[in-house]
Amino acid sequence: MGAEETKKIQDNESKADKFVRLGEYRVNKVIDAIGRLENLSNRTNYEYTQEQVEAMFSIMEKRLLEVKGRFAPKKEKEDTFSFGRKAE
């Protein structure tokens, strides 16, 4: 498939299809990167401390939680009262 055909498909795809297409591509890239990171665990080739490992995983876990939070449904303010009808 040529670049022009790919562009036409992308122009006509729904937002849901675009999410699936890009989501699959980007998640697979992350999985590949994690595999490369796993290679660093080989003590034959690398030397590291447990503190370094904890720092590395801590920042990744923090960032992953931040991104995951962006996908959470928006909450209504907890300090307001509503009978469940939409605001006017």
PDB file of N, CA and C in Angstrom:
ATOM      1  N   MET A   1       0.847  -1.169   0.000  1.00  0.00           N
ATOM      2  CA  MET A   1       0.000   0.000   0.000  1.00  0.00           C
ATOM      3  C   MET A   1       0.892   1.233   0.000  1.00  0.00           C
ATOM      4  N   GLY A   2       0.622   2.146  -0.909  1.00  0.00           N
ATOM      5  CA  GLY A   2       1.424   3.352  -1.043  1.00  0.00           C
ATOM      6  C   GLY A   2       1.032   4.410  -0.027  1.00  0.00           C
ATOM      7  N   ALA A   3       1.846   5.446   0.053  1.00  0.00           N
ATOM      8  CA  ALA A   3       1.611   6.536   0.991  1.00  0.00           C
ATOM      9  C   ALA A   3       0.293   7.243   0.710  1.00  0.00           C
ATOM     10  N   GLU A   4      -0.033   7.383  -0.577  1.00  0.00           N
ATOM     11  CA  GLU A   4      -1.278   8.059  -0.952  1.00  0.00           C
ATOM     12  C   GLU A   4      -2.498   7.246  -0.517  1.00  0.00           C
ATOM     13  N   GLU A   5      -2.438   5.925  -0.705  1.00  0.00           N
ATOM     14  CA  GLU A   5      -3.544   5.062  -0.270  1.00  0.00           C
ATOM     15  C   GLU A   5      -3.685   5.074   1.242  1.00  0.00           C
ATOM     16  N   THR A   6      -2.574   5.052   1.948  1.00  0.00           N
ATOM     17  CA  THR A   6      -2.595   5.107   3.410  1.00  0.00           C
ATOM     18  C   THR A   6      -3.224   6.402   3.881  1.00  0.00           C
ATOM     19  N   LYS A   7      -2.879   7.516   3.235  1.00  0.00           N
ATOM     20  CA  LYS A   7      -3.431   8.827   3.594  1.00  0.00           C
ATOM     21  C   LYS A   7      -4.942   8.840   3.396  1.00  0.00           C
ATOM     22  N   LYS A   8      -5.441   8.255   2.306  1.00  0.00           N
ATOM     23  CA  LYS A   8      -6.878   8.206   2.049  1.00  0.00           C
ATOM     24  C   LYS A   8      -7.591   7.408   3.134  1.00  0.00           C
ATOM     25  N   ILE A   9      -7.023   6.284   3.515  1.00  0.00           N
ATOM     26  CA  ILE A   9      -7.624   5.451   4.563  1.00  0.00           C
ATOM     27  C   ILE A   9      -7.667   6.227   5.868  1.00  0.00           C
ATOM     28  N   GLN A  10      -6.573   6.882   6.222  1.00  0.00           N
ATOM     29  CA  GLN A  10      -6.517   7.633   7.462  1.00  0.00           C
ATOM     30  C   GLN A  10      -7.503   8.793   7.460  1.00  0.00           C
ATOM     31  N   ASP A  11      -7.696   9.444   6.323  1.00  0.00           N
ATOM     32  CA  ASP A  11      -8.641  10.556   6.223  1.00  0.00           C
ATOM     33  C   ASP A  11     -10.077  10.096   6.427  1.00  0.00           C
ATOM     34  N   ASN A  12     -10.386   8.871   6.026  1.00  0.00           N
ATOM     35  CA  ASN A  12     -11.760   8.367   6.087  1.00  0.00           C
ATOM     36  C   ASN A  12     -12.066   7.550   7.339  1.00  0.00           C
ATOM     37  N   GLU A  13     -11.075   7.266   8.165  1.00  0.00           N
ATOM     38  CA  GLU A  13     -11.331   6.415   9.317  1.00  0.00           C
ATOM     39  C   GLU A  13     -12.013   7.193  10.443  1.00  0.00           C
ATOM     40  N   SER A  14     -12.792   6.474  11.229  1.00  0.00           N
ATOM     41  CA  SER A  14     -13.491   7.094  12.353  1.00  0.00           C
ATOM     42  C   SER A  14     -12.494   7.346  13.484  1.00  0.00           C
ATOM     43  N   LYS A  15     -12.913   8.136  14.446  1.00  0.00           N
ATOM     44  CA  LYS A  15     -12.062   8.407  15.599  1.00  0.00           C
ATOM     45  C   LYS A  15     -11.792   7.110  16.369  1.00  0.00           C
ATOM     46  N   ALA A  16     -12.790   6.238  16.441  1.00  0.00           N
ATOM     47  CA  ALA A  16     -12.620   4.962  17.138  1.00  0.00           C
ATOM     48  C   ALA A  16     -11.613   4.082  16.410  1.00  0.00           C
ATOM     49  N   ASP A  17     -11.700   4.043  15.079  1.00  0.00           N
ATOM     50  CA  ASP A  17     -10.748   3.245  14.303  1.00  0.00           C
ATOM     51  C   ASP A  17      -9.338   3.809  14.435  1.00  0.00           C
ATOM     52  N   LYS A  18      -9.239   5.135  14.440  1.00  0.00           N
ATOM     53  CA  LYS A  18      -7.929   5.778  14.582  1.00  0.00           C
ATOM     54  C   LYS A  18      -7.330   5.449  15.946  1.00  0.00           C
ATOM     55  N   PHE A  19      -8.174   5.465  16.999  1.00  0.00           N
ATOM     56  CA  PHE A  19      -7.700   5.115  18.337  1.00  0.00           C
ATOM     57  C   PHE A  19      -7.141   3.696  18.352  1.00  0.00           C
ATOM     58  N   VAL A  20      -7.876   2.766  17.753  1.00  0.00           N
ATOM     59  CA  VAL A  20      -7.438   1.369  17.726  1.00  0.00           C
ATOM     60  C   VAL A  20      -6.131   1.240  16.951  1.00  0.00           C
ATOM     61  N   ARG A  21      -6.078   1.847  15.778  1.00  0.00           N
ATOM     62  CA  ARG A  21      -4.873   1.749  14.941  1.00  0.00           C
ATOM     63  C   ARG A  21      -3.652   2.304  15.668  1.00  0.00           C
ATOM     64  N   LEU A  22      -3.774   3.520  16.179  1.00  0.00           N
ATOM     65  CA  LEU A  22      -2.632   4.140  16.851  1.00  0.00           C
ATOM     66  C   LEU A  22      -2.343   3.481  18.193  1.00  0.00           C
ATOM     67  N   GLY A  23      -3.404   3.071  18.892  1.00  0.00           N
ATOM     68  CA  GLY A  23      -3.210   2.405  20.179  1.00  0.00           C
ATOM     69  C   GLY A  23      -2.424   1.112  20.040  1.00  0.00           C
ATOM     70  N   GLU A  24      -2.792   0.304  19.066  1.00  0.00           N
ATOM     71  CA  GLU A  24      -2.064  -0.952  18.850  1.00  0.00           C
ATOM     72  C   GLU A  24      -0.614  -0.686  18.506  1.00  0.00           C
ATOM     73  N   TYR A  25      -0.386   0.272  17.622  1.00  0.00           N
ATOM     74  CA  TYR A  25       0.979   0.592  17.201  1.00  0.00           C
ATOM     75  C   TYR A  25       1.815   1.087  18.385  1.00  0.00           C
ATOM     76  N   ARG A  26       1.275   2.011  19.148  1.00  0.00           N
ATOM     77  CA  ARG A  26       2.042   2.617  20.238  1.00  0.00           C
ATOM     78  C   ARG A  26       2.252   1.655  21.405  1.00  0.00           C
ATOM     79  N   VAL A  27       1.248   0.847  21.735  1.00  0.00           N
ATOM     80  CA  VAL A  27       1.419  -0.140  22.808  1.00  0.00           C
ATOM     81  C   VAL A  27       2.478  -1.161  22.410  1.00  0.00           C
ATOM     82  N   ASN A  28       2.466  -1.588  21.157  1.00  0.00           N
ATOM     83  CA  ASN A  28       3.483  -2.542  20.711  1.00  0.00           C
ATOM     84  C   ASN A  28       4.883  -1.938  20.776  1.00  0.00           C
ATOM     85  N   LYS A  29       4.998  -0.636  20.491  1.00  0.00           N
ATOM     86  CA  LYS A  29       6.304   0.025  20.620  1.00  0.00           C
ATOM     87  C   LYS A  29       6.753   0.043  22.076  1.00  0.00           C
ATOM     88  N   VAL A  30       5.835   0.277  22.991  1.00  0.00           N
ATOM     89  CA  VAL A  30       6.159   0.270  24.422  1.00  0.00           C
ATOM     90  C   VAL A  30       6.603  -1.122  24.850  1.00  0.00           C
ATOM     91  N   ILE A  31       5.898  -2.149  24.395  1.00  0.00           N
ATOM     92  CA  ILE A  31       6.260  -3.524  24.738  1.00  0.00           C
ATOM     93  C   ILE A  31       7.660  -3.850  24.232  1.00  0.00           C
ATOM     94  N   ASP A  32       7.972  -3.412  23.020  1.00  0.00           N
ATOM     95  CA  ASP A  32       9.325  -3.626  22.484  1.00  0.00           C
ATOM     96  C   ASP A  32      10.369  -2.902  23.329  1.00  0.00           C
ATOM     97  N   ALA A  33      10.067  -1.671  23.734  1.00  0.00           N
ATOM     98  CA  ALA A  33      11.006  -0.900  24.552  1.00  0.00           C
ATOM     99  C   ALA A  33      11.215  -1.569  25.906  1.00  0.00           C
ATOM    100  N   ILE A  34      10.165  -2.129  26.472  1.00  0.00           N
ATOM    101  CA  ILE A  34      10.294  -2.843  27.746  1.00  0.00           C
ATOM    102  C   ILE A  34      11.198  -4.059  27.571  1.00  0.00           C
ATOM    103  N   GLY A  35      11.070  -4.727  26.448  1.00  0.00           N
ATOM    104  CA  GLY A  35      11.949  -5.869  26.169  1.00  0.00           C
ATOM    105  C   GLY A  35      13.413  -5.450  26.106  1.00  0.00           C
ATOM    106  N   ARG A  36      13.666  -4.298  25.499  1.00  0.00           N
ATOM    107  CA  ARG A  36      15.047  -3.802  25.442  1.00  0.00           C
ATOM    108  C   ARG A  36      15.528  -3.408  26.830  1.00  0.00           C
ATOM    109  N   LEU A  37      14.631  -2.855  27.636  1.00  0.00           N
ATOM    110  CA  LEU A  37      14.971  -2.508  29.012  1.00  0.00           C
ATOM    111  C   LEU A  37      15.295  -3.765  29.811  1.00  0.00           C
ATOM    112  N   GLU A  38      14.563  -4.826  29.540  1.00  0.00           N
ATOM    113  CA  GLU A  38      14.793  -6.104  30.214  1.00  0.00           C
ATOM    114  C   GLU A  38      16.217  -6.605  29.990  1.00  0.00           C
ATOM    115  N   ASN A  39      16.772  -6.313  28.831  1.00  0.00           N
ATOM    116  CA  ASN A  39      18.136  -6.742  28.535  1.00  0.00           C
ATOM    117  C   ASN A  39      19.142  -6.184  29.540  1.00  0.00           C
ATOM    118  N   LEU A  40      18.818  -5.032  30.145  1.00  0.00           N
ATOM    119  CA  LEU A  40      19.725  -4.436  31.127  1.00  0.00           C
ATOM    120  C   LEU A  40      19.832  -5.262  32.404  1.00  0.00           C
ATOM    121  N   SER A  41      18.929  -6.201  32.610  1.00  0.00           N
ATOM    122  CA  SER A  41      18.967  -7.025  33.818  1.00  0.00           C
ATOM    123  C   SER A  41      20.085  -8.064  33.782  1.00  0.00           C
ATOM    124  N   ASN A  42      20.721  -8.263  32.638  1.00  0.00           N
ATOM    125  CA  ASN A  42      21.790  -9.256  32.481  1.00  0.00           C
ATOM    126  C   ASN A  42      23.049  -8.775  33.204  1.00  0.00           C
ATOM    127  N   ARG A  43      23.312  -9.363  34.356  1.00  0.00           N
ATOM    128  CA  ARG A  43      24.458  -8.945  35.182  1.00  0.00           C
ATOM    129  C   ARG A  43      25.809  -9.332  34.563  1.00  0.00           C
ATOM    130  N   THR A  44      25.791 -10.154  33.543  1.00  0.00           N
ATOM    131  CA  THR A  44      27.029 -10.466  32.835  1.00  0.00           C
ATOM    132  C   THR A  44      27.521  -9.240  32.071  1.00  0.00           C
ATOM    133  N   ASN A  45      26.572  -8.440  31.577  1.00  0.00           N
ATOM    134  CA  ASN A  45      26.920  -7.281  30.769  1.00  0.00           C
ATOM    135  C   ASN A  45      26.793  -5.950  31.494  1.00  0.00           C
ATOM    136  N   TYR A  46      26.046  -5.917  32.604  1.00  0.00           N
ATOM    137  CA  TYR A  46      25.762  -4.650  33.273  1.00  0.00           C
ATOM    138  C   TYR A  46      25.927  -4.787  34.777  1.00  0.00           C
ATOM    139  N   GLU A  47      26.231  -3.665  35.401  1.00  0.00           N
ATOM    140  CA  GLU A  47      26.340  -3.602  36.849  1.00  0.00           C
ATOM    141  C   GLU A  47      25.430  -2.483  37.326  1.00  0.00           C
ATOM    142  N   TYR A  48      24.607  -2.766  38.326  1.00  0.00           N
ATOM    143  CA  TYR A  48      23.655  -1.767  38.817  1.00  0.00           C
ATOM    144  C   TYR A  48      23.305  -2.066  40.265  1.00  0.00           C
ATOM    145  N   THR A  49      22.781  -1.044  40.935  1.00  0.00           N
ATOM    146  CA  THR A  49      22.343  -1.206  42.318  1.00  0.00           C
ATOM    147  C   THR A  49      20.827  -1.348  42.357  1.00  0.00           C
ATOM    148  N   GLN A  50      20.343  -1.852  43.476  1.00  0.00           N
ATOM    149  CA  GLN A  50      18.897  -1.979  43.647  1.00  0.00           C
ATOM    150  C   GLN A  50      18.251  -0.591  43.683  1.00  0.00           C
ATOM    151  N   GLU A  51      18.961   0.390  44.199  1.00  0.00           N
ATOM    152  CA  GLU A  51      18.444   1.758  44.226  1.00  0.00           C
ATOM    153  C   GLU A  51      18.244   2.297  42.800  1.00  0.00           C
ATOM    154  N   GLN A  52      19.172   1.986  41.917  1.00  0.00           N
ATOM    155  CA  GLN A  52      19.037   2.407  40.524  1.00  0.00           C
ATOM    156  C   GLN A  52      17.815   1.759  39.871  1.00  0.00           C
ATOM    157  N   VAL A  53      17.635   0.483  40.160  1.00  0.00           N
ATOM    158  CA  VAL A  53      16.492  -0.247  39.602  1.00  0.00           C
ATOM    159  C   VAL A  53      15.191   0.346  40.139  1.00  0.00           C
ATOM    160  N   GLU A  54      15.142   0.608  41.448  1.00  0.00           N
ATOM    161  CA  GLU A  54      13.937   1.186  42.046  1.00  0.00           C
ATOM    162  C   GLU A  54      13.630   2.558  41.463  1.00  0.00           C
ATOM    163  N   ALA A  55      14.656   3.379  41.267  1.00  0.00           N
ATOM    164  CA  ALA A  55      14.455   4.714  40.690  1.00  0.00           C
ATOM    165  C   ALA A  55      13.915   4.614  39.270  1.00  0.00           C
ATOM    166  N   MET A  56      14.464   3.696  38.508  1.00  0.00           N
ATOM    167  CA  MET A  56      14.051   3.510  37.119  1.00  0.00           C
ATOM    168  C   MET A  56      12.578   3.089  37.043  1.00  0.00           C
ATOM    169  N   PHE A  57      12.198   2.103  37.858  1.00  0.00           N
ATOM    170  CA  PHE A  57      10.824   1.621  37.809  1.00  0.00           C
ATOM    171  C   PHE A  57       9.859   2.596  38.471  1.00  0.00           C
ATOM    172  N   SER A  58      10.307   3.308  39.452  1.00  0.00           N
ATOM    173  CA  SER A  58       9.455   4.291  40.115  1.00  0.00           C
ATOM    174  C   SER A  58       8.996   5.365  39.142  1.00  0.00           C
ATOM    175  N   ILE A  59       9.918   5.905  38.361  1.00  0.00           N
ATOM    176  CA  ILE A  59       9.552   6.959  37.417  1.00  0.00           C
ATOM    177  C   ILE A  59       8.646   6.418  36.318  1.00  0.00           C
ATOM    178  N   MET A  60       8.887   5.204  35.880  1.00  0.00           N
ATOM    179  CA  MET A  60       8.027   4.623  34.849  1.00  0.00           C
ATOM    180  C   MET A  60       6.618   4.362  35.389  1.00  0.00           C
ATOM    181  N   GLU A  61       6.530   3.832  36.609  1.00  0.00           N
ATOM    182  CA  GLU A  61       5.224   3.570  37.211  1.00  0.00           C
ATOM    183  C   GLU A  61       4.467   4.878  37.427  1.00  0.00           C
ATOM    184  N   LYS A  62       5.160   5.915  37.881  1.00  0.00           N
ATOM    185  CA  LYS A  62       4.532   7.217  38.102  1.00  0.00           C
ATOM    186  C   LYS A  62       3.957   7.752  36.794  1.00  0.00           C
ATOM    187  N   ARG A  63       4.745   7.708  35.757  1.00  0.00           N
ATOM    188  CA  ARG A  63       4.300   8.235  34.459  1.00  0.00           C
ATOM    189  C   ARG A  63       3.145   7.416  33.897  1.00  0.00           C
ATOM    190  N   LEU A  64       3.214   6.101  34.051  1.00  0.00           N
ATOM    191  CA  LEU A  64       2.138   5.236  33.565  1.00  0.00           C
ATOM    192  C   LEU A  64       0.829   5.553  34.290  1.00  0.00           C
ATOM    193  N   LEU A  65       0.888   5.781  35.593  1.00  0.00           N
ATOM    194  CA  LEU A  65      -0.313   6.134  36.347  1.00  0.00           C
ATOM    195  C   LEU A  65      -0.865   7.491  35.911  1.00  0.00           C
ATOM    196  N   GLU A  66       0.023   8.437  35.612  1.00  0.00           N
ATOM    197  CA  GLU A  66      -0.419   9.747  35.119  1.00  0.00           C
ATOM    198  C   GLU A  66      -1.188   9.592  33.800  1.00  0.00           C
ATOM    199  N   VAL A  67      -0.627   8.829  32.903  1.00  0.00           N
ATOM    200  CA  VAL A  67      -1.261   8.637  31.595  1.00  0.00           C
ATOM    201  C   VAL A  67      -2.567   7.860  31.756  1.00  0.00           C
ATOM    202  N   LYS A  68      -2.556   6.827  32.581  1.00  0.00           N
ATOM    203  CA  LYS A  68      -3.776   6.046  32.812  1.00  0.00           C
ATOM    204  C   LYS A  68      -4.878   6.940  33.371  1.00  0.00           C
ATOM    205  N   GLY A  69      -4.516   7.856  34.237  1.00  0.00           N
ATOM    206  CA  GLY A  69      -5.482   8.774  34.814  1.00  0.00           C
ATOM    207  C   GLY A  69      -6.160   9.652  33.775  1.00  0.00           C
ATOM    208  N   ARG A  70      -5.465   9.944  32.701  1.00  0.00           N
ATOM    209  CA  ARG A  70      -6.048  10.757  31.623  1.00  0.00           C
ATOM    210  C   ARG A  70      -7.192  10.038  30.913  1.00  0.00           C
ATOM    211  N   PHE A  71      -7.236   8.718  31.026  1.00  0.00           N
ATOM    212  CA  PHE A  71      -8.286   7.926  30.395  1.00  0.00           C
ATOM    213  C   PHE A  71      -9.490   7.720  31.306  1.00  0.00           C
ATOM    214  N   ALA A  72      -9.382   8.103  32.566  1.00  0.00           N
ATOM    215  CA  ALA A  72     -10.479   7.908  33.518  1.00  0.00           C
ATOM    216  C   ALA A  72     -11.625   8.858  33.198  1.00  0.00           C
ATOM    217  N   PRO A  73     -12.853   8.407  33.416  1.00  0.00           N
ATOM    218  CA  PRO A  73     -13.991   9.307  33.188  1.00  0.00           C
ATOM    219  C   PRO A  73     -13.906  10.510  34.121  1.00  0.00           C
ATOM    220  N   LYS A  74     -14.378  11.644  33.642  1.00  0.00           N
ATOM    221  CA  LYS A  74     -14.362  12.856  34.450  1.00  0.00           C
ATOM    222  C   LYS A  74     -15.374  12.716  35.582  1.00  0.00           C
ATOM    223  N   LYS A  75     -14.961  13.117  36.784  1.00  0.00           N
ATOM    224  CA  LYS A  75     -15.844  13.074  37.946  1.00  0.00           C
ATOM    225  C   LYS A  75     -16.491  14.432  38.151  1.00  0.00           C
ATOM    226  N   GLU A  76     -17.710  14.392  38.676  1.00  0.00           N
ATOM    227  CA  GLU A  76     -18.350  15.638  39.047  1.00  0.00           C
ATOM    228  C   GLU A  76     -17.728  16.110  40.351  1.00  0.00           C
ATOM    229  N   LYS A  77     -17.807  17.408  40.596  1.00  0.00           N
ATOM    230  CA  LYS A  77     -17.288  17.935  41.849  1.00  0.00           C
ATOM    231  C   LYS A  77     -18.023  17.273  43.000  1.00  0.00           C
ATOM    232  N   GLU A  78     -17.269  16.849  44.015  1.00  0.00           N
ATOM    233  CA  GLU A  78     -17.869  16.148  45.139  1.00  0.00           C
ATOM    234  C   GLU A  78     -18.556  17.098  46.117  1.00  0.00           C
ATOM    235  N   ASP A  79     -18.232  18.396  46.070  1.00  0.00           N
ATOM    236  CA  ASP A  79     -18.781  19.328  47.039  1.00  0.00           C
ATOM    237  C   ASP A  79     -20.046  20.023  46.533  1.00  0.00           C
ATOM    238  N   THR A  80     -20.628  19.511  45.470  1.00  0.00           N
ATOM    239  CA  THR A  80     -21.862  20.096  44.963  1.00  0.00           C
ATOM    240  C   THR A  80     -22.993  19.086  45.091  1.00  0.00           C
ATOM    241  N   PHE A  81     -24.198  19.615  45.191  1.00  0.00           N
ATOM    242  CA  PHE A  81     -25.382  18.769  45.296  1.00  0.00           C
ATOM    243  C   PHE A  81     -26.124  18.776  43.975  1.00  0.00           C
ATOM    244  N   SER A  82     -26.676  17.635  43.623  1.00  0.00           N
ATOM    245  CA  SER A  82     -27.458  17.539  42.402  1.00  0.00           C
ATOM    246  C   SER A  82     -28.507  16.455  42.573  1.00  0.00           C
ATOM    247  N   PHE A  83     -29.670  16.668  41.990  1.00  0.00           N
ATOM    248  CA  PHE A  83     -30.706  15.645  41.961  1.00  0.00           C
ATOM    249  C   PHE A  83     -30.485  14.693  40.795  1.00  0.00           C
ATOM    250  N   GLY A  84     -29.375  14.834  40.098  1.00  0.00           N
ATOM    251  CA  GLY A  84     -29.054  13.935  38.997  1.00  0.00           C
ATOM    252  C   GLY A  84     -29.469  14.456  37.644  1.00  0.00           C
ATOM    253  N   ARG A  85     -29.993  15.667  37.596  1.00  0.00           N
ATOM    254  CA  ARG A  85     -30.351  16.230  36.289  1.00  0.00           C
ATOM    255  C   ARG A  85     -29.209  17.065  35.764  1.00  0.00           C
ATOM    256  N   LYS A  86     -29.184  17.254  34.482  1.00  0.00           N
ATOM    257  CA  LYS A  86     -28.109  18.011  33.856  1.00  0.00           C
ATOM    258  C   LYS A  86     -28.198  19.478  34.240  1.00  0.00           C
ATOM    259  N   ALA A  87     -27.036  20.103  34.367  1.00  0.00           N
ATOM    260  CA  ALA A  87     -26.989  21.525  34.696  1.00  0.00           C
ATOM    261  C   ALA A  87     -27.566  22.349  33.561  1.00  0.00           C
ATOM    262  N   GLU A  88     -28.238  23.429  33.923  1.00  0.00           N
ATOM    263  CA  GLU A  88     -28.845  24.295  32.904  1.00  0.00           C
ATOM    264  C   GLU A  88     -27.957  25.466  32.615  1.00  0.00           C
TER     265      GLU A  88
END
